[in-house]
Protein backbone atom coordinates (compact mmCIF):
# COMPACT_ATOMS: atom_id res chain seq x y z
CA MET A 1 71.68 -15.90 -37.66
CA PRO A 2 70.11 -19.06 -36.17
CA THR A 3 66.44 -19.05 -35.37
CA LEU A 4 65.47 -19.53 -31.75
CA THR A 5 61.95 -20.67 -32.54
CA SER A 6 62.68 -24.10 -33.97
CA ASP A 7 61.15 -27.07 -32.23
CA GLU A 8 63.10 -29.43 -34.44
CA HIS A 9 66.61 -28.88 -32.98
CA PRO A 10 66.24 -26.91 -29.74
CA ILE A 11 69.72 -27.87 -28.51
CA THR A 12 71.74 -27.27 -31.65
CA ASP A 13 69.82 -24.45 -33.37
CA VAL A 14 72.17 -22.14 -31.51
CA PRO A 15 75.62 -23.66 -31.87
CA ALA A 16 77.65 -24.49 -28.79
CA ALA A 17 80.39 -22.07 -27.84
CA SER A 18 83.90 -22.86 -28.91
CA PRO A 19 85.81 -25.04 -26.46
CA ALA A 20 88.00 -22.04 -25.55
CA ASP A 21 84.94 -19.86 -24.86
CA ALA A 22 83.28 -22.68 -22.92
CA PHE A 23 86.42 -23.13 -20.83
CA ALA A 24 86.56 -19.40 -20.05
CA HIS A 25 82.86 -19.25 -19.20
CA PHE A 26 82.73 -22.28 -16.93
CA THR A 27 86.02 -21.47 -15.23
CA ALA A 28 84.69 -18.00 -14.49
CA LEU A 29 81.43 -19.47 -13.19
CA LEU A 30 83.33 -21.74 -10.81
CA SER A 31 85.20 -18.73 -9.46
CA PHE A 32 81.85 -17.31 -8.30
CA GLU A 33 80.01 -20.44 -7.16
CA THR A 34 80.49 -23.74 -5.41
CA ASP A 35 77.95 -26.43 -4.69
CA CYS A 36 76.66 -28.25 -1.65
CA TRP A 37 78.65 -31.42 -2.38
CA ASP A 38 81.93 -29.49 -2.58
CA VAL A 39 81.21 -27.65 0.67
CA HIS A 40 80.13 -30.83 2.45
CA HIS A 41 83.23 -32.66 1.24
CA ALA A 42 85.53 -29.82 2.28
CA LEU A 43 83.94 -29.69 5.73
CA GLU A 44 84.30 -33.48 6.11
CA GLN A 45 87.98 -33.16 5.17
CA LYS A 46 88.34 -30.46 7.84
CA ASN A 47 89.52 -27.95 5.23
CA ASP A 48 90.10 -24.65 6.94
CA ASP A 49 90.76 -22.59 3.84
CA PHE A 50 87.30 -20.98 3.86
CA VAL A 51 84.60 -19.77 6.22
CA ILE A 52 81.01 -20.72 5.52
CA LEU A 53 78.56 -17.92 6.29
CA ASP A 54 74.86 -18.49 6.82
CA VAL A 55 73.46 -15.07 5.95
CA ARG A 56 69.90 -15.77 7.11
CA SER A 57 68.34 -14.43 10.29
CA PRO A 58 69.52 -15.69 13.70
CA GLU A 59 66.13 -17.37 14.13
CA LEU A 60 66.46 -19.38 10.91
CA PHE A 61 70.07 -20.19 11.73
CA ALA A 62 69.04 -21.51 15.15
CA ALA A 63 66.32 -23.66 13.58
CA GLY A 64 68.87 -25.42 11.36
CA HIS A 65 72.13 -24.65 9.59
CA VAL A 66 75.15 -26.27 7.97
CA ASP A 67 77.39 -27.67 10.69
CA GLY A 68 80.39 -25.36 11.01
CA ALA A 69 78.63 -22.33 9.53
CA VAL A 70 78.90 -18.91 11.12
CA ASN A 71 75.74 -16.84 11.26
CA LEU A 72 76.26 -13.36 9.88
CA PRO A 73 73.06 -11.90 8.42
CA ARG A 74 73.87 -9.99 5.28
CA ARG A 75 72.88 -6.63 6.76
CA ARG A 76 75.52 -7.14 9.46
CA ILE A 77 78.38 -7.74 7.04
CA ASN A 78 80.84 -4.95 7.77
CA GLU A 79 84.54 -4.51 8.53
CA ARG A 80 83.98 -4.69 12.29
CA ASN A 81 82.21 -8.04 12.07
CA LEU A 82 84.87 -9.42 9.72
CA ALA A 83 87.85 -8.12 11.69
CA GLU A 84 88.72 -11.53 13.16
CA TYR A 85 89.29 -13.01 9.69
CA PRO A 86 92.45 -12.40 7.67
CA GLU A 87 91.90 -10.23 4.58
CA ASP A 88 92.47 -13.17 2.23
CA THR A 89 89.87 -15.44 3.88
CA THR A 90 87.51 -16.93 1.32
CA PHE A 91 83.90 -16.74 2.43
CA VAL A 92 81.26 -19.14 1.13
CA VAL A 93 77.81 -17.66 1.60
CA TYR A 94 74.43 -19.34 1.59
CA CYS A 95 70.82 -18.49 2.32
CA ALA A 96 67.52 -20.34 2.10
CA GLY A 97 67.87 -21.53 -1.47
CA PRO A 98 67.33 -20.75 -5.13
CA HIS A 99 64.25 -18.67 -4.33
CA CYS A 100 66.32 -16.34 -2.11
CA ASN A 101 68.85 -13.70 -3.18
CA GLY A 102 70.29 -13.13 0.29
CA ALA A 103 73.48 -14.98 -0.59
CA ASP A 104 73.92 -12.84 -3.72
CA ARG A 105 73.44 -9.68 -1.68
CA ALA A 106 75.87 -10.92 0.95
CA ALA A 107 78.41 -11.73 -1.77
CA VAL A 108 78.10 -8.17 -3.08
CA SER A 109 78.70 -6.82 0.45
CA LEU A 110 81.76 -9.00 0.94
CA ALA A 111 83.18 -8.13 -2.47
CA THR A 112 82.59 -4.44 -1.79
CA LEU A 113 84.70 -4.85 1.35
CA GLY A 114 87.46 -6.44 -0.73
CA ARG A 115 86.85 -9.98 0.57
CA PRO A 116 87.06 -13.13 -1.57
CA VAL A 117 83.64 -14.75 -1.81
CA LYS A 118 81.76 -17.61 -3.44
CA LYS A 119 78.10 -18.54 -3.24
CA MET A 120 77.00 -22.05 -2.30
CA ILE A 121 74.38 -22.66 -4.96
CA GLY A 122 71.19 -24.24 -3.67
CA GLY A 123 71.51 -22.88 -0.14
CA VAL A 124 69.67 -24.76 2.60
CA THR A 125 67.25 -26.22 0.05
CA GLY A 126 70.10 -27.66 -2.00
CA TRP A 127 71.85 -28.93 1.13
CA ILE A 128 68.76 -30.88 2.15
CA ASP A 129 68.13 -32.05 -1.43
CA GLU A 130 71.63 -33.55 -1.44
CA GLY A 131 70.68 -35.57 1.66
CA TYR A 132 72.82 -33.62 4.11
CA THR A 133 71.54 -32.75 7.54
CA LEU A 134 71.31 -29.43 9.33
CA VAL A 135 72.27 -28.85 12.95
CA SER A 136 70.44 -26.61 15.38
């Protein structure tokens, strides 16, 4: 078994996964997450194959959000509030950023309701870091 304490080869002391395992892992990861660039690009292209949900409070949403996002705080995610969307609608959720688990909690709620969901990694922090603007 490789040692994890080596300072000599910290990258290769633990061998990389096989290409097949790496493919499976990263494909699975992409089925759960998307990034700010992909969302921004899709919104610029006027893609209508997803709904972007800002799951923060109405106050934070009003202060600044991704243009085109719908505000649905995670505690308000229920069948009644999703009724206007077809069952196969993909939701992309985001919150404040990497320091916030609101998007993860919202994703759990949506998945529990049988809705397709991905998380926009980085949230508002990532959006701003990428140089994109918020609207209020």
